[in-house]
């Protein structure tokens, strides 16, 4: 078994072994290659997002066109028959619940 002093010396040697270490240098060719690949991926993602936005916009325009066309075509045939003189509320209720003839339809 090692003594306390030997353990402390080994720990000090391990810590001092890092004193002369330098930071690793990168290869400029590898750095530029990685950077270009990252830029290409970013540009590809942007173009994919732009295509998605264009597809959704086209679908929205088509949907709005269908809605406006159907609204126009459905309301074209409907002619609103509004009376020139508005009936009062009591007259409308009496006509609805108390018909003038004696025929009841259940």
N, C-alpha and C. Protein backbone atom coordinates (compact mmCIF):
# COMPACT_ATOMS: atom_id res chain seq x y z
N UNK A 1 0.84 -1.17 0.00
CA UNK A 1 0.00 0.00 0.00
C UNK A 1 0.88 1.24 0.00
N UNK A 2 0.44 2.28 -0.75
CA UNK A 2 1.23 3.48 -0.87
C UNK A 2 0.96 4.39 0.32
N UNK A 3 1.98 5.13 0.65
CA UNK A 3 1.83 6.05 1.79
C UNK A 3 1.15 7.33 1.31
N UNK A 4 0.78 8.11 2.28
CA UNK A 4 0.10 9.37 1.98
C UNK A 4 1.01 10.29 1.17
N UNK A 5 2.30 10.30 1.46
CA UNK A 5 3.24 11.16 0.77
C UNK A 5 3.36 10.76 -0.70
N UNK A 6 3.42 9.47 -0.99
CA UNK A 6 3.53 8.99 -2.37
C UNK A 6 2.27 9.34 -3.17
N UNK A 7 1.12 9.23 -2.53
CA UNK A 7 -0.14 9.57 -3.20
C UNK A 7 -0.17 11.05 -3.55
N UNK A 8 0.29 11.92 -2.63
CA UNK A 8 0.32 13.35 -2.88
C UNK A 8 1.30 13.69 -4.00
N UNK A 9 2.45 13.00 -4.06
CA UNK A 9 3.43 13.24 -5.13
C UNK A 9 2.85 12.84 -6.50
N UNK A 10 2.15 11.73 -6.55
CA UNK A 10 1.55 11.29 -7.82
C UNK A 10 0.45 12.26 -8.28
N UNK A 11 -0.33 12.77 -7.33
CA UNK A 11 -1.37 13.73 -7.67
C UNK A 11 -0.74 15.02 -8.17
N UNK A 12 0.33 15.47 -7.54
CA UNK A 12 1.02 16.69 -7.96
C UNK A 12 1.62 16.51 -9.35
N UNK A 13 2.19 15.33 -9.64
CA UNK A 13 2.74 15.06 -10.97
C UNK A 13 1.64 15.10 -12.03
N UNK A 14 0.49 14.55 -11.71
CA UNK A 14 -0.62 14.54 -12.67
C UNK A 14 -1.11 15.96 -12.95
N UNK A 15 -1.18 16.79 -11.91
CA UNK A 15 -1.63 18.17 -12.10
C UNK A 15 -0.59 19.00 -12.83
N UNK A 16 0.69 18.76 -12.56
CA UNK A 16 1.76 19.54 -13.20
C UNK A 16 2.01 19.10 -14.64
N UNK A 17 1.54 17.92 -15.01
CA UNK A 17 1.77 17.46 -16.39
C UNK A 17 1.00 18.30 -17.40
N UNK A 18 -0.03 19.00 -16.97
CA UNK A 18 -0.83 19.83 -17.85
C UNK A 18 -0.29 21.25 -17.99
N UNK A 19 0.75 21.63 -17.24
CA UNK A 19 1.25 23.00 -17.27
C UNK A 19 1.83 23.38 -18.62
N UNK A 20 2.51 22.50 -19.29
CA UNK A 20 3.15 22.83 -20.56
C UNK A 20 2.28 22.56 -21.77
N UNK A 21 1.03 22.18 -21.56
CA UNK A 21 0.16 21.83 -22.68
C UNK A 21 -0.29 23.08 -23.42
N UNK A 22 -0.38 22.97 -24.76
CA UNK A 22 -0.87 24.07 -25.58
C UNK A 22 -2.23 23.69 -26.15
N UNK A 23 -2.95 24.71 -26.58
CA UNK A 23 -4.25 24.47 -27.21
C UNK A 23 -4.00 23.87 -28.59
N UNK A 24 -4.82 22.91 -28.93
CA UNK A 24 -4.68 22.25 -30.22
C UNK A 24 -5.04 23.21 -31.34
N UNK A 25 -4.28 23.15 -32.44
CA UNK A 25 -4.53 24.01 -33.58
C UNK A 25 -5.41 23.28 -34.58
N UNK A 26 -6.27 24.03 -35.23
CA UNK A 26 -7.17 23.41 -36.19
C UNK A 26 -6.58 23.48 -37.59
N UNK A 27 -7.01 22.56 -38.40
CA UNK A 27 -6.62 22.55 -39.80
C UNK A 27 -7.51 23.55 -40.53
N UNK A 28 -6.95 24.54 -41.22
CA UNK A 28 -7.80 25.55 -41.87
C UNK A 28 -8.67 24.95 -42.97
N UNK A 29 -8.21 23.95 -43.66
CA UNK A 29 -9.01 23.32 -44.71
C UNK A 29 -10.23 22.64 -44.10
N UNK A 30 -10.03 21.90 -43.02
CA UNK A 30 -11.13 21.21 -42.36
C UNK A 30 -12.14 22.22 -41.80
N UNK A 31 -11.63 23.30 -41.22
CA UNK A 31 -12.51 24.33 -40.66
C UNK A 31 -13.39 24.94 -41.75
N UNK A 32 -12.79 25.28 -42.89
CA UNK A 32 -13.57 25.89 -43.97
C UNK A 32 -14.57 24.90 -44.55
N UNK A 33 -14.20 23.63 -44.63
CA UNK A 33 -15.11 22.62 -45.15
C UNK A 33 -16.32 22.45 -44.23
N UNK A 34 -16.11 22.40 -42.93
CA UNK A 34 -17.21 22.26 -41.96
C UNK A 34 -18.10 23.50 -42.01
N UNK A 35 -17.49 24.68 -42.10
CA UNK A 35 -18.25 25.93 -42.15
C UNK A 35 -19.13 25.99 -43.40
N UNK A 36 -18.58 25.60 -44.54
CA UNK A 36 -19.36 25.61 -45.78
C UNK A 36 -20.52 24.63 -45.71
N UNK A 37 -20.31 23.47 -45.13
CA UNK A 37 -21.38 22.49 -45.00
C UNK A 37 -22.49 23.02 -44.12
N UNK A 38 -22.14 23.70 -43.03
CA UNK A 38 -23.15 24.27 -42.15
C UNK A 38 -23.94 25.36 -42.87
N UNK A 39 -23.29 26.19 -43.67
CA UNK A 39 -23.98 27.23 -44.43
C UNK A 39 -24.91 26.63 -45.47
N UNK A 40 -24.49 25.54 -46.12
CA UNK A 40 -25.34 24.88 -47.10
C UNK A 40 -26.59 24.31 -46.44
N UNK A 41 -26.43 23.71 -45.28
CA UNK A 41 -27.58 23.16 -44.57
C UNK A 41 -28.54 24.26 -44.16
N UNK A 42 -28.02 25.40 -43.75
CA UNK A 42 -28.88 26.52 -43.35
C UNK A 42 -29.65 27.04 -44.57
N UNK A 43 -28.97 27.19 -45.71
CA UNK A 43 -29.63 27.67 -46.91
C UNK A 43 -30.69 26.69 -47.39
N UNK A 44 -30.41 25.40 -47.25
CA UNK A 44 -31.38 24.38 -47.66
C UNK A 44 -32.62 24.44 -46.76
N UNK A 45 -32.42 24.63 -45.47
CA UNK A 45 -33.55 24.73 -44.55
C UNK A 45 -34.40 25.96 -44.85
N UNK A 46 -33.76 27.07 -45.19
CA UNK A 46 -34.49 28.29 -45.51
C UNK A 46 -35.31 28.10 -46.78
N UNK A 47 -34.72 27.45 -47.79
CA UNK A 47 -35.46 27.24 -49.03
C UNK A 47 -36.64 26.29 -48.82
N UNK A 48 -36.46 25.27 -47.97
CA UNK A 48 -37.57 24.36 -47.67
C UNK A 48 -38.69 25.10 -46.95
N UNK A 49 -38.34 25.97 -46.02
CA UNK A 49 -39.35 26.75 -45.31
C UNK A 49 -40.07 27.70 -46.26
N UNK A 50 -39.34 28.28 -47.20
CA UNK A 50 -39.97 29.20 -48.15
C UNK A 50 -40.96 28.44 -49.03
N UNK A 51 -40.61 27.23 -49.45
CA UNK A 51 -41.52 26.43 -50.27
C UNK A 51 -42.78 26.09 -49.48
N UNK A 52 -42.62 25.75 -48.20
CA UNK A 52 -43.77 25.42 -47.36
C UNK A 52 -44.69 26.63 -47.21
N UNK A 53 -44.11 27.80 -47.01
CA UNK A 53 -44.91 29.02 -46.86
C UNK A 53 -45.66 29.31 -48.16
N UNK A 54 -45.01 29.12 -49.30
CA UNK A 54 -45.68 29.36 -50.58
C UNK A 54 -46.83 28.38 -50.79
N UNK A 55 -46.64 27.12 -50.43
CA UNK A 55 -47.71 26.13 -50.58
C UNK A 55 -48.90 26.47 -49.69
N UNK A 56 -48.63 26.85 -48.45
CA UNK A 56 -49.72 27.22 -47.54
C UNK A 56 -50.43 28.49 -48.01
N UNK A 57 -49.69 29.43 -48.54
CA UNK A 57 -50.31 30.66 -49.05
C UNK A 57 -51.20 30.35 -50.25
N UNK A 58 -50.73 29.48 -51.13
CA UNK A 58 -51.53 29.11 -52.30
C UNK A 58 -52.81 28.39 -51.86
N UNK A 59 -52.70 27.52 -50.87
CA UNK A 59 -53.88 26.81 -50.37
C UNK A 59 -54.87 27.80 -49.74
N UNK A 60 -54.36 28.77 -49.02
CA UNK A 60 -55.23 29.77 -48.39
C UNK A 60 -55.94 30.62 -49.44
N UNK A 61 -55.21 31.03 -50.48
CA UNK A 61 -55.82 31.83 -51.55
C UNK A 61 -56.88 31.00 -52.27
N UNK A 62 -56.60 29.74 -52.53
CA UNK A 62 -57.57 28.87 -53.18
C UNK A 62 -58.81 28.70 -52.31
N UNK A 63 -58.63 28.48 -51.04
CA UNK A 63 -59.74 28.33 -50.10
C UNK A 63 -60.60 29.60 -50.06
N UNK A 64 -59.94 30.76 -49.99
CA UNK A 64 -60.69 32.02 -49.97
C UNK A 64 -61.43 32.23 -51.28
N UNK A 65 -60.82 31.86 -52.39
CA UNK A 65 -61.48 31.99 -53.69
C UNK A 65 -62.72 31.13 -53.78
N UNK A 66 -62.61 29.89 -53.30
CA UNK A 66 -63.77 28.99 -53.31
C UNK A 66 -64.88 29.54 -52.42
N UNK A 67 -64.51 30.03 -51.25
CA UNK A 67 -65.52 30.60 -50.34
C UNK A 67 -66.21 31.81 -50.94
N UNK A 68 -65.45 32.71 -51.52
CA UNK A 68 -66.06 33.92 -52.11
C UNK A 68 -66.94 33.56 -53.31
N UNK A 69 -66.47 32.62 -54.12
CA UNK A 69 -67.27 32.20 -55.27
C UNK A 69 -68.57 31.55 -54.84
N UNK A 70 -68.49 30.66 -53.87
CA UNK A 70 -69.71 29.99 -53.41
C UNK A 70 -70.66 30.98 -52.75
N UNK A 71 -70.13 31.93 -52.01
CA UNK A 71 -70.98 32.96 -51.40
C UNK A 71 -71.69 33.78 -52.47
N UNK A 72 -70.95 34.16 -53.50
CA UNK A 72 -71.54 34.95 -54.58
C UNK A 72 -72.60 34.15 -55.32
N UNK A 73 -72.28 32.89 -55.65
CA UNK A 73 -73.23 32.08 -56.41
C UNK A 73 -74.48 31.72 -55.60
N UNK A 74 -74.32 31.47 -54.32
CA UNK A 74 -75.46 31.12 -53.49
C UNK A 74 -76.36 32.33 -53.23
N UNK A 75 -75.78 33.49 -53.09
CA UNK A 75 -76.60 34.68 -52.83
C UNK A 75 -77.13 35.31 -54.11
N UNK A 76 -76.65 34.88 -55.25
CA UNK A 76 -77.11 35.44 -56.52
C UNK A 76 -78.56 35.04 -56.77
N UNK A 77 -78.92 33.80 -56.47
CA UNK A 77 -80.28 33.32 -56.72
C UNK A 77 -81.26 33.72 -55.66
N UNK A 78 -80.79 34.11 -54.50
CA UNK A 78 -81.70 34.45 -53.40
C UNK A 78 -82.06 35.93 -53.51
N UNK A 79 -83.33 36.19 -53.64
CA UNK A 79 -83.80 37.57 -53.64
C UNK A 79 -84.54 37.80 -52.34
N UNK A 80 -84.12 38.77 -51.64
CA UNK A 80 -84.69 39.04 -50.34
C UNK A 80 -86.03 39.74 -50.52
N UNK A 81 -87.06 39.15 -49.95
CA UNK A 81 -88.40 39.74 -50.00
C UNK A 81 -88.65 40.46 -48.68
N UNK A 82 -88.30 41.69 -48.65
CA UNK A 82 -88.51 42.46 -47.43
C UNK A 82 -89.74 43.33 -47.61
N UNK A 83 -90.63 43.32 -46.65
CA UNK A 83 -91.80 44.19 -46.76
C UNK A 83 -91.39 45.64 -46.64
N UNK A 84 -92.14 46.50 -47.30
CA UNK A 84 -91.79 47.90 -47.28
C UNK A 84 -92.08 48.54 -45.93
N UNK A 85 -93.10 48.03 -45.29
CA UNK A 85 -93.45 48.55 -43.97
C UNK A 85 -93.18 47.44 -42.97
N UNK A 86 -92.41 47.74 -41.97
CA UNK A 86 -92.08 46.74 -40.97
C UNK A 86 -93.26 46.59 -40.02
N UNK A 87 -93.59 45.35 -39.72
CA UNK A 87 -94.68 45.09 -38.79
C UNK A 87 -94.14 45.22 -37.37
N UNK A 88 -94.99 45.64 -36.48
CA UNK A 88 -94.57 45.76 -35.10
C UNK A 88 -94.44 44.37 -34.50
N UNK A 89 -93.80 44.30 -33.40
CA UNK A 89 -93.55 43.01 -32.77
C UNK A 89 -94.84 42.32 -32.36
N UNK A 90 -95.77 43.05 -31.83
CA UNK A 90 -97.03 42.45 -31.39
C UNK A 90 -97.83 41.93 -32.57
N UNK A 91 -97.76 42.60 -33.71
CA UNK A 91 -98.46 42.13 -34.90
C UNK A 91 -97.83 40.84 -35.41
N UNK A 92 -96.52 40.78 -35.38
CA UNK A 92 -95.83 39.58 -35.85
C UNK A 92 -96.16 38.38 -34.96
N UNK A 93 -96.21 38.59 -33.65
CA UNK A 93 -96.54 37.50 -32.72
C UNK A 93 -97.98 37.06 -32.92
N UNK A 94 -98.90 38.02 -33.08
CA UNK A 94 -100.31 37.65 -33.24
C UNK A 94 -100.54 36.90 -34.54
N UNK A 95 -99.85 37.26 -35.61
CA UNK A 95 -99.99 36.53 -36.86
C UNK A 95 -99.41 35.12 -36.76
N UNK A 96 -98.38 34.96 -35.98
CA UNK A 96 -97.75 33.65 -35.85
C UNK A 96 -98.58 32.70 -35.00
N UNK A 97 -99.06 33.19 -33.85
CA UNK A 97 -99.75 32.30 -32.91
C UNK A 97 -101.27 32.29 -33.03
N UNK A 98 -101.85 33.28 -33.64
CA UNK A 98 -103.30 33.34 -33.79
C UNK A 98 -103.65 33.54 -35.27
N UNK A 99 -103.72 32.47 -36.02
CA UNK A 99 -104.02 32.61 -37.46
C UNK A 99 -105.45 33.12 -37.67
N UNK A 100 -105.67 33.75 -38.81
CA UNK A 100 -106.95 34.35 -39.12
C UNK A 100 -107.99 33.31 -39.53
N UNK A 101 -107.53 32.22 -40.11
CA UNK A 101 -108.50 31.17 -40.47
C UNK A 101 -108.52 30.13 -39.35
N UNK A 102 -109.50 29.25 -39.43
CA UNK A 102 -109.68 28.28 -38.34
C UNK A 102 -108.98 26.95 -38.62
N UNK A 103 -108.13 26.89 -39.64
CA UNK A 103 -107.45 25.64 -39.98
C UNK A 103 -106.13 25.58 -39.19
N UNK A 104 -106.02 24.52 -38.42
CA UNK A 104 -104.80 24.32 -37.63
C UNK A 104 -103.99 23.21 -38.29
N UNK A 105 -102.74 23.41 -38.41
CA UNK A 105 -101.88 22.35 -38.92
C UNK A 105 -100.90 21.94 -37.81
N UNK A 106 -101.07 20.69 -37.42
CA UNK A 106 -100.24 20.21 -36.32
C UNK A 106 -99.04 19.52 -36.87
